[in-house]
PDB file of N, CA and C in Angstrom:
ATOM      1  N   MET A   1     -19.241  19.099 -30.450  1.00  0.00           N
ATOM      2  CA  MET A   1     -19.307  19.535 -31.839  1.00  0.00           C
ATOM      3  C   MET A   1     -20.591  18.991 -32.451  1.00  0.00           C
ATOM      4  N   PRO A   2     -21.401  19.834 -33.020  1.00  0.00           N
ATOM      5  CA  PRO A   2     -22.651  19.363 -33.622  1.00  0.00           C
ATOM      6  C   PRO A   2     -22.384  18.530 -34.860  1.00  0.00           C
ATOM      7  N   SER A   3     -23.258  17.544 -35.070  1.00  0.00           N
ATOM      8  CA  SER A   3     -23.105  16.702 -36.253  1.00  0.00           C
ATOM      9  C   SER A   3     -23.579  17.465 -37.491  1.00  0.00           C
ATOM     10  N   VAL A   4     -23.246  16.942 -38.653  1.00  0.00           N
ATOM     11  CA  VAL A   4     -23.571  17.631 -39.909  1.00  0.00           C
ATOM     12  C   VAL A   4     -25.072  17.560 -40.184  1.00  0.00           C
ATOM     13  N   LYS A   5     -25.687  16.429 -39.854  1.00  0.00           N
ATOM     14  CA  LYS A   5     -27.107  16.263 -40.171  1.00  0.00           C
ATOM     15  C   LYS A   5     -27.984  17.205 -39.348  1.00  0.00           C
ATOM     16  N   THR A   6     -27.684  17.303 -38.038  1.00  0.00           N
ATOM     17  CA  THR A   6     -28.482  18.194 -37.191  1.00  0.00           C
ATOM     18  C   THR A   6     -27.545  19.198 -36.529  1.00  0.00           C
ATOM     19  N   PRO A   7     -27.406  20.361 -37.058  1.00  0.00           N
ATOM     20  CA  PRO A   7     -26.432  21.324 -36.547  1.00  0.00           C
ATOM     21  C   PRO A   7     -26.801  21.909 -35.182  1.00  0.00           C
ATOM     22  N   ASN A   8     -28.027  21.680 -34.709  1.00  0.00           N
ATOM     23  CA  ASN A   8     -28.444  22.309 -33.460  1.00  0.00           C
ATOM     24  C   ASN A   8     -28.097  21.504 -32.204  1.00  0.00           C
ATOM     25  N   HIS A   9     -27.863  20.205 -32.334  1.00  0.00           N
ATOM     26  CA  HIS A   9     -27.551  19.379 -31.165  1.00  0.00           C
ATOM     27  C   HIS A   9     -26.763  18.147 -31.594  1.00  0.00           C
ATOM     28  N   ARG A  10     -26.204  17.447 -30.576  1.00  0.00           N
ATOM     29  CA  ARG A  10     -25.428  16.236 -30.855  1.00  0.00           C
ATOM     30  C   ARG A  10     -26.352  15.086 -31.230  1.00  0.00           C
ATOM     31  N   SER A  11     -25.783  14.129 -31.958  1.00  0.00           N
ATOM     32  CA  SER A  11     -26.575  12.955 -32.342  1.00  0.00           C
ATOM     33  C   SER A  11     -26.859  12.095 -31.107  1.00  0.00           C
ATOM     34  N   LYS A  12     -27.842  11.228 -31.232  1.00  0.00           N
ATOM     35  CA  LYS A  12     -28.247  10.374 -30.116  1.00  0.00           C
ATOM     36  C   LYS A  12     -27.102   9.445 -29.699  1.00  0.00           C
ATOM     37  N   ASN A  13     -26.348   8.938 -30.680  1.00  0.00           N
ATOM     38  CA  ASN A  13     -25.222   8.048 -30.375  1.00  0.00           C
ATOM     39  C   ASN A  13     -24.145   8.763 -29.571  1.00  0.00           C
ATOM     40  N   ARG A  14     -23.833  10.006 -29.974  1.00  0.00           N
ATOM     41  CA  ARG A  14     -22.804  10.767 -29.272  1.00  0.00           C
ATOM     42  C   ARG A  14     -23.243  11.071 -27.842  1.00  0.00           C
ATOM     43  N   LEU A  15     -24.525  11.417 -27.672  1.00  0.00           N
ATOM     44  CA  LEU A  15     -25.042  11.684 -26.326  1.00  0.00           C
ATOM     45  C   LEU A  15     -24.957  10.436 -25.449  1.00  0.00           C
ATOM     46  N   ALA A  16     -25.302   9.292 -26.016  1.00  0.00           N
ATOM     47  CA  ALA A  16     -25.246   8.033 -25.268  1.00  0.00           C
ATOM     48  C   ALA A  16     -23.807   7.698 -24.892  1.00  0.00           C
ATOM     49  N   ALA A  17     -22.882   7.902 -25.826  1.00  0.00           N
ATOM     50  CA  ALA A  17     -21.468   7.609 -25.563  1.00  0.00           C
ATOM     51  C   ALA A  17     -20.929   8.524 -24.469  1.00  0.00           C
ATOM     52  N   GLN A  18     -21.304   9.789 -24.530  1.00  0.00           N
ATOM     53  CA  GLN A  18     -20.842  10.755 -23.531  1.00  0.00           C
ATOM     54  C   GLN A  18     -21.379  10.392 -22.143  1.00  0.00           C
ATOM     55  N   ALA A  19     -22.645  10.026 -22.072  1.00  0.00           N
ATOM     56  CA  ALA A  19     -23.251   9.641 -20.796  1.00  0.00           C
ATOM     57  C   ALA A  19     -22.601   8.375 -20.246  1.00  0.00           C
ATOM     58  N   SER A  20     -22.311   7.431 -21.140  1.00  0.00           N
ATOM     59  CA  SER A  20     -21.686   6.175 -20.732  1.00  0.00           C
ATOM     60  C   SER A  20     -20.302   6.423 -20.138  1.00  0.00           C
ATOM     61  N   LYS A  21     -19.536   7.271 -20.811  1.00  0.00           N
ATOM     62  CA  LYS A  21     -18.189   7.578 -20.334  1.00  0.00           C
ATOM     63  C   LYS A  21     -18.255   8.288 -18.982  1.00  0.00           C
ATOM     64  N   ALA A  22     -19.170   9.236 -18.843  1.00  0.00           N
ATOM     65  CA  ALA A  22     -19.321   9.961 -17.579  1.00  0.00           C
ATOM     66  C   ALA A  22     -19.697   9.000 -16.453  1.00  0.00           C
ATOM     67  N   ARG A  23     -20.552   8.023 -16.759  1.00  0.00           N
ATOM     68  CA  ARG A  23     -20.968   7.041 -15.765  1.00  0.00           C
ATOM     69  C   ARG A  23     -19.777   6.204 -15.300  1.00  0.00           C
ATOM     70  N   LYS A  24     -18.941   5.777 -16.259  1.00  0.00           N
ATOM     71  CA  LYS A  24     -17.765   4.971 -15.914  1.00  0.00           C
ATOM     72  C   LYS A  24     -16.801   5.753 -15.033  1.00  0.00           C
ATOM     73  N   VAL A  25     -16.566   7.016 -15.386  1.00  0.00           N
ATOM     74  CA  VAL A  25     -15.652   7.853 -14.605  1.00  0.00           C
ATOM     75  C   VAL A  25     -16.193   8.047 -13.191  1.00  0.00           C
ATOM     76  N   ARG A  26     -17.493   8.305 -13.085  1.00  0.00           N
ATOM     77  CA  ARG A  26     -18.128   8.524 -11.781  1.00  0.00           C
ATOM     78  C   ARG A  26     -18.020   7.267 -10.916  1.00  0.00           C
ATOM     79  N   GLN A  27     -18.258   6.106 -11.525  1.00  0.00           N
ATOM     80  CA  GLN A  27     -18.193   4.843 -10.795  1.00  0.00           C
ATOM     81  C   GLN A  27     -16.769   4.570 -10.309  1.00  0.00           C
ATOM     82  N   LYS A  28     -15.790   4.849 -11.162  1.00  0.00           N
ATOM     83  CA  LYS A  28     -14.394   4.616 -10.802  1.00  0.00           C
ATOM     84  C   LYS A  28     -13.979   5.492  -9.621  1.00  0.00           C
ATOM     85  N   LYS A  29     -14.398   6.762  -9.652  1.00  0.00           N
ATOM     86  CA  LYS A  29     -14.056   7.678  -8.563  1.00  0.00           C
ATOM     87  C   LYS A  29     -14.691   7.237  -7.255  1.00  0.00           C
ATOM     88  N   SER A  30     -15.935   6.790  -7.305  1.00  0.00           N
ATOM     89  CA  SER A  30     -16.607   6.381  -6.069  1.00  0.00           C
ATOM     90  C   SER A  30     -15.952   5.125  -5.493  1.00  0.00           C
ATOM     91  N   GLU A  31     -15.480   4.212  -6.338  1.00  0.00           N
ATOM     92  CA  GLU A  31     -14.789   3.011  -5.857  1.00  0.00           C
ATOM     93  C   GLU A  31     -13.480   3.377  -5.175  1.00  0.00           C
ATOM     94  N   GLU A  32     -12.748   4.331  -5.763  1.00  0.00           N
ATOM     95  CA  GLU A  32     -11.478   4.750  -5.170  1.00  0.00           C
ATOM     96  C   GLU A  32     -11.709   5.336  -3.784  1.00  0.00           C
ATOM     97  N   ASN A  33     -12.753   6.138  -3.645  1.00  0.00           N
ATOM     98  CA  ASN A  33     -13.032   6.752  -2.348  1.00  0.00           C
ATOM     99  C   ASN A  33     -13.492   5.733  -1.314  1.00  0.00           C
ATOM    100  N   LYS A  34     -14.180   4.684  -1.768  1.00  0.00           N
ATOM    101  CA  LYS A  34     -14.671   3.667  -0.850  1.00  0.00           C
ATOM    102  C   LYS A  34     -13.526   2.899  -0.203  1.00  0.00           C
ATOM    103  N   HIS A  35     -12.540   2.503  -0.996  1.00  0.00           N
ATOM    104  CA  HIS A  35     -11.494   1.612  -0.511  1.00  0.00           C
ATOM    105  C   HIS A  35     -10.289   2.345   0.052  1.00  0.00           C
ATOM    106  N   ARG A  36     -10.153   3.618  -0.222  1.00  0.00           N
ATOM    107  CA  ARG A  36      -9.043   4.429   0.292  1.00  0.00           C
ATOM    108  C   ARG A  36      -7.675   3.849  -0.074  1.00  0.00           C
ATOM    109  N   ILE A  37      -7.531   3.394  -1.289  1.00  0.00           N
ATOM    110  CA  ILE A  37      -6.241   2.926  -1.781  1.00  0.00           C
ATOM    111  C   ILE A  37      -5.655   4.053  -2.612  1.00  0.00           C
ATOM    112  N   ALA A  38      -4.393   4.377  -2.365  1.00  0.00           N
ATOM    113  CA  ALA A  38      -3.765   5.485  -3.074  1.00  0.00           C
ATOM    114  C   ALA A  38      -3.716   5.203  -4.573  1.00  0.00           C
ATOM    115  N   LYS A  39      -3.791   6.263  -5.341  1.00  0.00           N
ATOM    116  CA  LYS A  39      -3.813   6.114  -6.795  1.00  0.00           C
ATOM    117  C   LYS A  39      -2.511   5.478  -7.290  1.00  0.00           C
ATOM    118  N   THR A  40      -1.381   5.858  -6.675  1.00  0.00           N
ATOM    119  CA  THR A  40      -0.098   5.287  -7.094  1.00  0.00           C
ATOM    120  C   THR A  40      -0.058   3.786  -6.819  1.00  0.00           C
ATOM    121  N   ASP A  41      -0.636   3.364  -5.680  1.00  0.00           N
ATOM    122  CA  ASP A  41      -0.686   1.933  -5.375  1.00  0.00           C
ATOM    123  C   ASP A  41      -1.601   1.203  -6.348  1.00  0.00           C
ATOM    124  N   THR A  42      -2.687   1.863  -6.749  1.00  0.00           N
ATOM    125  CA  THR A  42      -3.595   1.261  -7.727  1.00  0.00           C
ATOM    126  C   THR A  42      -2.868   1.027  -9.036  1.00  0.00           C
ATOM    127  N   MET A  43      -1.997   1.955  -9.413  1.00  0.00           N
ATOM    128  CA  MET A  43      -1.218   1.795 -10.649  1.00  0.00           C
ATOM    129  C   MET A  43      -0.268   0.608 -10.552  1.00  0.00           C
ATOM    130  N   ARG A  44       0.174   0.291  -9.324  1.00  0.00           N
ATOM    131  CA  ARG A  44       1.096  -0.831  -9.136  1.00  0.00           C
ATOM    132  C   ARG A  44       0.366  -2.149  -8.928  1.00  0.00           C
ATOM    133  N   GLY A  45      -0.953  -2.148  -9.064  1.00  0.00           N
ATOM    134  CA  GLY A  45      -1.699  -3.399  -8.990  1.00  0.00           C
ATOM    135  C   GLY A  45      -2.460  -3.609  -7.701  1.00  0.00           C
ATOM    136  N   ALA A  46      -2.524  -2.603  -6.830  1.00  0.00           N
ATOM    137  CA  ALA A  46      -3.253  -2.765  -5.572  1.00  0.00           C
ATOM    138  C   ALA A  46      -4.750  -2.731  -5.827  1.00  0.00           C
ATOM    139  N   ARG A  47      -5.460  -3.625  -5.163  1.00  0.00           N
ATOM    140  CA  ARG A  47      -6.915  -3.666  -5.221  1.00  0.00           C
ATOM    141  C   ARG A  47      -7.411  -3.850  -3.788  1.00  0.00           C
ATOM    142  N   PRO A  48      -8.707  -3.804  -3.538  1.00  0.00           N
ATOM    143  CA  PRO A  48      -9.180  -3.892  -2.149  1.00  0.00           C
ATOM    144  C   PRO A  48      -8.607  -5.053  -1.335  1.00  0.00           C
ATOM    145  N   GLY A  49      -8.400  -6.217  -1.920  1.00  0.00           N
ATOM    146  CA  GLY A  49      -7.844  -7.338  -1.162  1.00  0.00           C
ATOM    147  C   GLY A  49      -6.369  -7.581  -1.402  1.00  0.00           C
ATOM    148  N   LEU A  50      -5.740  -6.806  -2.284  1.00  0.00           N
ATOM    149  CA  LEU A  50      -4.357  -7.062  -2.690  1.00  0.00           C
ATOM    150  C   LEU A  50      -3.467  -5.863  -2.403  1.00  0.00           C
ATOM    151  N   ALA A  51      -2.279  -6.127  -1.898  1.00  0.00           N
ATOM    152  CA  ALA A  51      -1.296  -5.068  -1.713  1.00  0.00           C
ATOM    153  C   ALA A  51      -0.578  -4.830  -3.038  1.00  0.00           C
ATOM    154  N   PRO A  52       0.043  -3.663  -3.206  1.00  0.00           N
ATOM    155  CA  PRO A  52       0.781  -3.423  -4.443  1.00  0.00           C
ATOM    156  C   PRO A  52       2.008  -4.326  -4.531  1.00  0.00           C
ATOM    157  N   THR A  53       2.483  -4.565  -5.754  1.00  0.00           N
ATOM    158  CA  THR A  53       3.616  -5.473  -5.935  1.00  0.00           C
ATOM    159  C   THR A  53       4.957  -4.768  -5.812  1.00  0.00           C
ATOM    160  N   SER A  54       4.950  -3.428  -5.818  1.00  0.00           N
ATOM    161  CA  SER A  54       6.201  -2.693  -5.652  1.00  0.00           C
ATOM    162  C   SER A  54       5.906  -1.391  -4.940  1.00  0.00           C
ATOM    163  N   GLY A  55       6.969  -0.673  -4.587  1.00  0.00           N
ATOM    164  CA  GLY A  55       6.777   0.603  -3.912  1.00  0.00           C
ATOM    165  C   GLY A  55       6.808   0.450  -2.399  1.00  0.00           C
ATOM    166  N   PRO A  56       6.626   1.552  -1.681  1.00  0.00           N
ATOM    167  CA  PRO A  56       6.768   1.506  -0.221  1.00  0.00           C
ATOM    168  C   PRO A  56       5.678   0.709   0.495  1.00  0.00           C
ATOM    169  N   ASN A  57       4.529   0.536  -0.111  1.00  0.00           N
ATOM    170  CA  ASN A  57       3.446  -0.198   0.544  1.00  0.00           C
ATOM    171  C   ASN A  57       3.385  -1.664   0.140  1.00  0.00           C
ATOM    172  N   ALA A  58       4.348  -2.124  -0.639  1.00  0.00           N
ATOM    173  CA  ALA A  58       4.368  -3.521  -1.068  1.00  0.00           C
ATOM    174  C   ALA A  58       4.716  -4.412   0.126  1.00  0.00           C
ATOM    175  N   PRO A  59       4.182  -5.640   0.170  1.00  0.00           N
ATOM    176  CA  PRO A  59       4.514  -6.529   1.281  1.00  0.00           C
ATOM    177  C   PRO A  59       5.976  -6.965   1.203  1.00  0.00           C
ATOM    178  N   LEU A  60       6.595  -7.172   2.377  1.00  0.00           N
ATOM    179  CA  LEU A  60       7.992  -7.604   2.415  1.00  0.00           C
ATOM    180  C   LEU A  60       8.087  -9.086   2.086  1.00  0.00           C
ATOM    181  N   SER A  61       9.192  -9.452   1.434  1.00  0.00           N
ATOM    182  CA  SER A  61       9.453 -10.872   1.229  1.00  0.00           C
ATOM    183  C   SER A  61       9.910 -11.459   2.564  1.00  0.00           C
ATOM    184  N   LYS A  62       9.855 -12.773   2.698  1.00  0.00           N
ATOM    185  CA  LYS A  62      10.248 -13.420   3.955  1.00  0.00           C
ATOM    186  C   LYS A  62      11.721 -13.145   4.265  1.00  0.00           C
ATOM    187  N   LYS A  63      12.543 -13.153   3.227  1.00  0.00           N
ATOM    188  CA  LYS A  63      13.975 -12.919   3.407  1.00  0.00           C
ATOM    189  C   LYS A  63      14.215 -11.514   3.950  1.00  0.00           C
ATOM    190  N   LYS A  64      13.566 -10.526   3.333  1.00  0.00           N
ATOM    191  CA  LYS A  64      13.732  -9.136   3.753  1.00  0.00           C
ATOM    192  C   LYS A  64      13.182  -8.935   5.167  1.00  0.00           C
ATOM    193  N   ALA A  65      12.063  -9.607   5.476  1.00  0.00           N
ATOM    194  CA  ALA A  65      11.468  -9.481   6.809  1.00  0.00           C
ATOM    195  C   ALA A  65      12.423 -10.002   7.882  1.00  0.00           C
ATOM    196  N   LYS A  66      13.097 -11.139   7.603  1.00  0.00           N
ATOM    197  CA  LYS A  66      14.063 -11.692   8.555  1.00  0.00           C
ATOM    198  C   LYS A  66      15.226 -10.733   8.770  1.00  0.00           C
ATOM    199  N   LYS A  67      15.717 -10.150   7.668  1.00  0.00           N
ATOM    200  CA  LYS A  67      16.834  -9.216   7.772  1.00  0.00           C
ATOM    201  C   LYS A  67      16.457  -8.011   8.624  1.00  0.00           C
ATOM    202  N   ILE A  68      15.283  -7.468   8.388  1.00  0.00           N
ATOM    203  CA  ILE A  68      14.846  -6.289   9.138  1.00  0.00           C
ATOM    204  C   ILE A  68      14.636  -6.637  10.608  1.00  0.00           C
ATOM    205  N   GLU A  69      14.105  -7.834  10.867  1.00  0.00           N
ATOM    206  CA  GLU A  69      13.907  -8.268  12.251  1.00  0.00           C
ATOM    207  C   GLU A  69      15.245  -8.355  12.984  1.00  0.00           C
ATOM    208  N   LYS A  70      16.269  -8.884  12.296  1.00  0.00           N
ATOM    209  CA  LYS A  70      17.603  -8.960  12.889  1.00  0.00           C
ATOM    210  C   LYS A  70      18.154  -7.568  13.165  1.00  0.00           C
ATOM    211  N   GLN A  71      17.969  -6.651  12.202  1.00  0.00           N
ATOM    212  CA  GLN A  71      18.459  -5.283  12.380  1.00  0.00           C
ATOM    213  C   GLN A  71      17.795  -4.610  13.574  1.00  0.00           C
ATOM    214  N   ILE A  72      16.494  -4.811  13.723  1.00  0.00           N
ATOM    215  CA  ILE A  72      15.769  -4.199  14.840  1.00  0.00           C
ATOM    216  C   ILE A  72      16.255  -4.776  16.170  1.00  0.00           C
ATOM    217  N   ALA A  73      16.439  -6.105  16.223  1.00  0.00           N
ATOM    218  CA  ALA A  73      16.919  -6.744  17.448  1.00  0.00           C
ATOM    219  C   ALA A  73      18.303  -6.224  17.817  1.00  0.00           C
ATOM    220  N   HIS A  74      19.153  -6.058  16.818  1.00  0.00           N
ATOM    221  CA  HIS A  74      20.503  -5.548  17.066  1.00  0.00           C
ATOM    222  C   HIS A  74      20.451  -4.106  17.570  1.00  0.00           C
ATOM    223  N   ALA A  75      19.572  -3.305  16.994  1.00  0.00           N
ATOM    224  CA  ALA A  75      19.434  -1.909  17.421  1.00  0.00           C
ATOM    225  C   ALA A  75      18.953  -1.833  18.868  1.00  0.00           C
ATOM    226  N   ILE A  76      18.039  -2.733  19.257  1.00  0.00           N
ATOM    227  CA  ILE A  76      17.554  -2.758  20.643  1.00  0.00           C
ATOM    228  C   ILE A  76      18.687  -3.143  21.583  1.00  0.00           C
ATOM    229  N   ARG A  77      19.492  -4.152  21.188  1.00  0.00           N
ATOM    230  CA  ARG A  77      20.635  -4.555  22.011  1.00  0.00           C
ATOM    231  C   ARG A  77      21.620  -3.408  22.193  1.00  0.00           C
ATOM    232  N   ARG A  78      21.897  -2.681  21.102  1.00  0.00           N
ATOM    233  CA  ARG A  78      22.811  -1.534  21.189  1.00  0.00           C
ATOM    234  C   ARG A  78      22.263  -0.467  22.134  1.00  0.00           C
ATOM    235  N   ARG A  79      20.952  -0.209  22.047  1.00  0.00           N
ATOM    236  CA  ARG A  79      20.346   0.817  22.888  1.00  0.00           C
ATOM    237  C   ARG A  79      20.416   0.422  24.364  1.00  0.00           C
ATOM    238  N   LEU A  80      20.135  -0.859  24.656  1.00  0.00           N
ATOM    239  CA  LEU A  80      20.210  -1.329  26.036  1.00  0.00           C
ATOM    240  C   LEU A  80      21.643  -1.258  26.558  1.00  0.00           C
ATOM    241  N   ALA A  81      22.610  -1.579  25.709  1.00  0.00           N
ATOM    242  CA  ALA A  81      24.012  -1.505  26.116  1.00  0.00           C
ATOM    243  C   ALA A  81      24.411  -0.061  26.400  1.00  0.00           C
ATOM    244  N   ALA A  82      23.905   0.853  25.615  1.00  0.00           N
ATOM    245  CA  ALA A  82      24.219   2.269  25.818  1.00  0.00           C
ATOM    246  C   ALA A  82      23.610   2.779  27.123  1.00  0.00           C
ATOM    247  N   GLU A  83      22.459   2.255  27.501  1.00  0.00           N
ATOM    248  CA  GLU A  83      21.812   2.662  28.749  1.00  0.00           C
ATOM    249  C   GLU A  83      22.438   1.973  29.956  1.00  0.00           C
ATOM    250  N   GLY A  84      23.235   0.945  29.735  1.00  0.00           N
ATOM    251  CA  GLY A  84      23.905   0.248  30.821  1.00  0.00           C
ATOM    252  C   GLY A  84      23.187  -1.007  31.277  1.00  0.00           C
ATOM    253  N   GLU A  85      22.164  -1.433  30.599  1.00  0.00           N
ATOM    254  CA  GLU A  85      21.425  -2.637  30.967  1.00  0.00           C
ATOM    255  C   GLU A  85      21.891  -3.807  30.106  1.00  0.00           C
ATOM    256  N   VAL A  86      23.104  -4.255  30.304  1.00  0.00           N
ATOM    257  CA  VAL A  86      23.645  -5.355  29.513  1.00  0.00           C
ATOM    258  C   VAL A  86      23.131  -6.671  30.089  1.00  0.00           C
ATOM    259  N   GLU A  87      22.674  -7.570  29.217  1.00  0.00           N
ATOM    260  CA  GLU A  87      22.171  -8.866  29.666  1.00  0.00           C
ATOM    261  C   GLU A  87      23.340  -9.752  30.078  1.00  0.00           C
ATOM    262  N   MET A  88      23.113 -10.572  31.115  1.00  0.00           N
ATOM    263  CA  MET A  88      24.148 -11.507  31.529  1.00  0.00           C
ATOM    264  C   MET A  88      24.215 -12.645  30.519  1.00  0.00           C
ATOM    265  N   GLN A  89      25.435 -13.095  30.241  1.00  0.00           N
ATOM    266  CA  GLN A  89      25.608 -14.112  29.216  1.00  0.00           C
ATOM    267  C   GLN A  89      26.241 -15.358  29.809  1.00  0.00           C
ATOM    268  N   GLY A  90      25.994 -16.508  29.177  1.00  0.00           N
ATOM    269  CA  GLY A  90      26.627 -17.752  29.567  1.00  0.00           C
ATOM    270  C   GLY A  90      25.838 -18.516  30.618  1.00  0.00           C
ATOM    271  N   ALA A  91      26.464 -19.588  31.187  1.00  0.00           N
ATOM    272  CA  ALA A  91      25.808 -20.469  32.149  1.00  0.00           C
ATOM    273  C   ALA A  91      25.781 -19.856  33.547  1.00  0.00           C
ATOM    274  N   PHE A  92      26.495 -18.807  33.775  1.00  0.00           N
ATOM    275  CA  PHE A  92      26.570 -18.152  35.075  1.00  0.00           C
ATOM    276  C   PHE A  92      25.190 -17.671  35.526  1.00  0.00           C
ATOM    277  N   CYS A  93      24.333 -17.384  34.588  1.00  0.00           N
ATOM    278  CA  CYS A  93      22.996 -16.831  34.840  1.00  0.00           C
ATOM    279  C   CYS A  93      22.172 -17.706  35.777  1.00  0.00           C
ATOM    280  N   GLY A  94      22.128 -18.996  35.539  1.00  0.00           N
ATOM    281  CA  GLY A  94      21.233 -19.870  36.278  1.00  0.00           C
ATOM    282  C   GLY A  94      21.621 -20.059  37.731  1.00  0.00           C
ATOM    283  N   SER A  95      22.911 -20.035  38.061  1.00  0.00           N
ATOM    284  CA  SER A  95      23.352 -20.349  39.413  1.00  0.00           C
ATOM    285  C   SER A  95      23.290 -19.147  40.353  1.00  0.00           C
ATOM    286  N   VAL A  96      23.000 -17.981  39.894  1.00  0.00           N
ATOM    287  CA  VAL A  96      23.007 -16.782  40.731  1.00  0.00           C
ATOM    288  C   VAL A  96      21.856 -16.798  41.729  1.00  0.00           C
ATOM    289  N   PHE A  97      20.693 -17.268  41.337  1.00  0.00           N
ATOM    290  CA  PHE A  97      19.504 -17.155  42.171  1.00  0.00           C
ATOM    291  C   PHE A  97      19.195 -18.416  42.983  1.00  0.00           C
ATOM    292  N   ARG A  98      20.102 -19.390  43.079  1.00  0.00           N
ATOM    293  CA  ARG A  98      19.829 -20.634  43.805  1.00  0.00           C
ATOM    294  C   ARG A  98      20.161 -20.532  45.251  1.00  0.00           C
TER     295      ARG A  98
END
């Protein structure tokens, strides 16, 4: 919108402000492309050295990691049992190969 004083073009201040804003937007876009962090993760606080604090890409807590590790180990045991490769249990194991 042209200013009242000069109807033919924008004022110098408006031009400077517009250029400044365009520069900031351009810089922000180039940073996003450099680091390849998803926009949703950026909204949750992710930065180049930091993971997001929530959402699917957030780091697991130690408690949750232990639980998942137990679940995975149990699933592997179930799969081996289904295939018929059951591990021998108890003290009987050591005396078999002597």
